[in-house]
């Protein structure tokens, strides 16, 4: 099923702490990253970030393998929520 970037971001933010899969291209080197993430994790967060992720088109998530990171919404390829794969387009 194909969805727009905005809808994908809403689905991830509103996942209610469920683990979801995401596939995206890293901004730093263009490599594809595929992983399991969840939103709403507060453990390990100290203070405020030096930037606002929303202003940089990023979504702050918890990577189940390596801790907190940000997903670049403009480079999102697909997401998997509750077993359904959604292909993300412009």
Protein backbone atom coordinates (compact mmCIF):
# COMPACT_ATOMS: atom_id res chain seq x y z
CA UNK A 1 0.00 0.00 0.00
CA UNK A 2 1.36 3.46 -0.92
CA UNK A 3 1.13 6.42 1.46
CA UNK A 4 2.48 9.99 1.55
CA UNK A 5 5.34 11.10 3.84
CA UNK A 6 3.01 13.13 6.05
CA UNK A 7 0.70 10.15 6.61
CA UNK A 8 3.72 7.90 7.37
CA UNK A 9 4.97 10.38 9.97
CA UNK A 10 1.51 10.52 11.59
CA UNK A 11 1.27 6.72 11.68
CA UNK A 12 4.67 6.39 13.37
CA UNK A 13 3.95 9.17 15.89
CA UNK A 14 0.55 7.70 16.72
CA UNK A 15 1.73 4.09 16.97
CA UNK A 16 1.15 4.15 20.73
CA UNK A 17 4.57 2.76 21.63
CA UNK A 18 4.24 -0.26 19.32
CA UNK A 19 7.42 -1.45 17.64
CA UNK A 20 7.42 -0.68 13.91
CA UNK A 21 9.87 -1.22 11.09
CA UNK A 22 11.28 1.56 8.94
CA UNK A 23 13.54 1.63 5.91
CA UNK A 24 15.23 4.91 4.96
CA UNK A 25 18.37 6.40 3.45
CA UNK A 26 20.81 8.01 5.89
CA UNK A 27 21.51 11.69 5.27
CA UNK A 28 25.17 11.41 6.23
CA UNK A 29 26.33 8.88 3.63
CA UNK A 30 23.28 7.79 1.62
CA UNK A 31 23.35 4.19 2.87
CA UNK A 32 20.04 2.46 3.44
CA UNK A 33 19.14 1.68 7.04
CA UNK A 34 16.49 -0.84 8.02
CA UNK A 35 15.49 -1.27 11.64
CA UNK A 36 12.95 -1.71 14.41
CA UNK A 37 11.89 1.44 16.22
CA UNK A 38 9.33 2.82 18.64
CA UNK A 39 8.26 6.28 19.73
CA UNK A 40 7.57 7.59 23.21
CA UNK A 41 10.65 6.15 24.96
CA UNK A 42 11.85 8.60 27.62
CA UNK A 43 14.50 6.47 29.33
CA UNK A 44 18.02 7.68 28.65
CA UNK A 45 16.96 11.16 27.55
CA UNK A 46 18.81 13.87 29.45
CA UNK A 47 17.94 17.54 28.99
CA UNK A 48 16.65 19.14 25.80
CA UNK A 49 18.06 18.61 22.31
CA UNK A 50 20.06 21.48 20.85
CA UNK A 51 17.71 21.56 17.87
CA UNK A 52 14.06 20.95 17.09
CA UNK A 53 13.76 17.68 15.11
CA UNK A 54 10.51 18.80 13.48
CA UNK A 55 12.19 21.84 11.93
CA UNK A 56 14.71 19.55 10.23
CA UNK A 57 12.07 17.07 8.97
CA UNK A 58 13.20 14.42 11.49
CA UNK A 59 11.28 12.09 13.77
CA UNK A 60 12.90 11.17 17.08
CA UNK A 61 12.61 7.42 17.77
CA UNK A 62 14.18 4.70 19.89
CA UNK A 63 16.14 2.17 17.82
CA UNK A 64 15.65 -1.23 19.44
CA UNK A 65 19.28 -2.13 18.71
CA UNK A 66 21.22 1.05 19.43
CA UNK A 67 19.23 3.62 21.41
CA UNK A 68 17.82 7.01 20.44
CA UNK A 69 18.15 8.30 16.89
CA UNK A 70 16.27 10.37 14.31
CA UNK A 71 14.60 9.21 11.12
CA UNK A 72 14.76 11.66 8.17
CA UNK A 73 11.16 11.78 6.96
CA UNK A 74 12.16 13.07 3.52
CA UNK A 75 14.27 9.93 2.90
CA UNK A 76 11.77 7.36 4.17
CA UNK A 77 11.26 4.40 1.79
CA UNK A 78 8.82 2.19 3.70
CA UNK A 79 7.34 1.46 7.12
CA UNK A 80 5.84 -1.72 8.57
CA UNK A 81 3.18 -1.39 11.27
CA UNK A 82 1.21 -4.37 12.63
CA UNK A 83 2.50 -6.55 9.80
CA UNK A 84 1.36 -4.24 7.01
CA UNK A 85 4.06 -2.79 4.75
CA UNK A 86 3.48 0.75 3.52
CA UNK A 87 5.56 2.14 0.67
CA UNK A 88 6.24 5.86 1.22
CA UNK A 89 6.17 8.32 -1.66
CA UNK A 90 6.97 12.04 -1.90
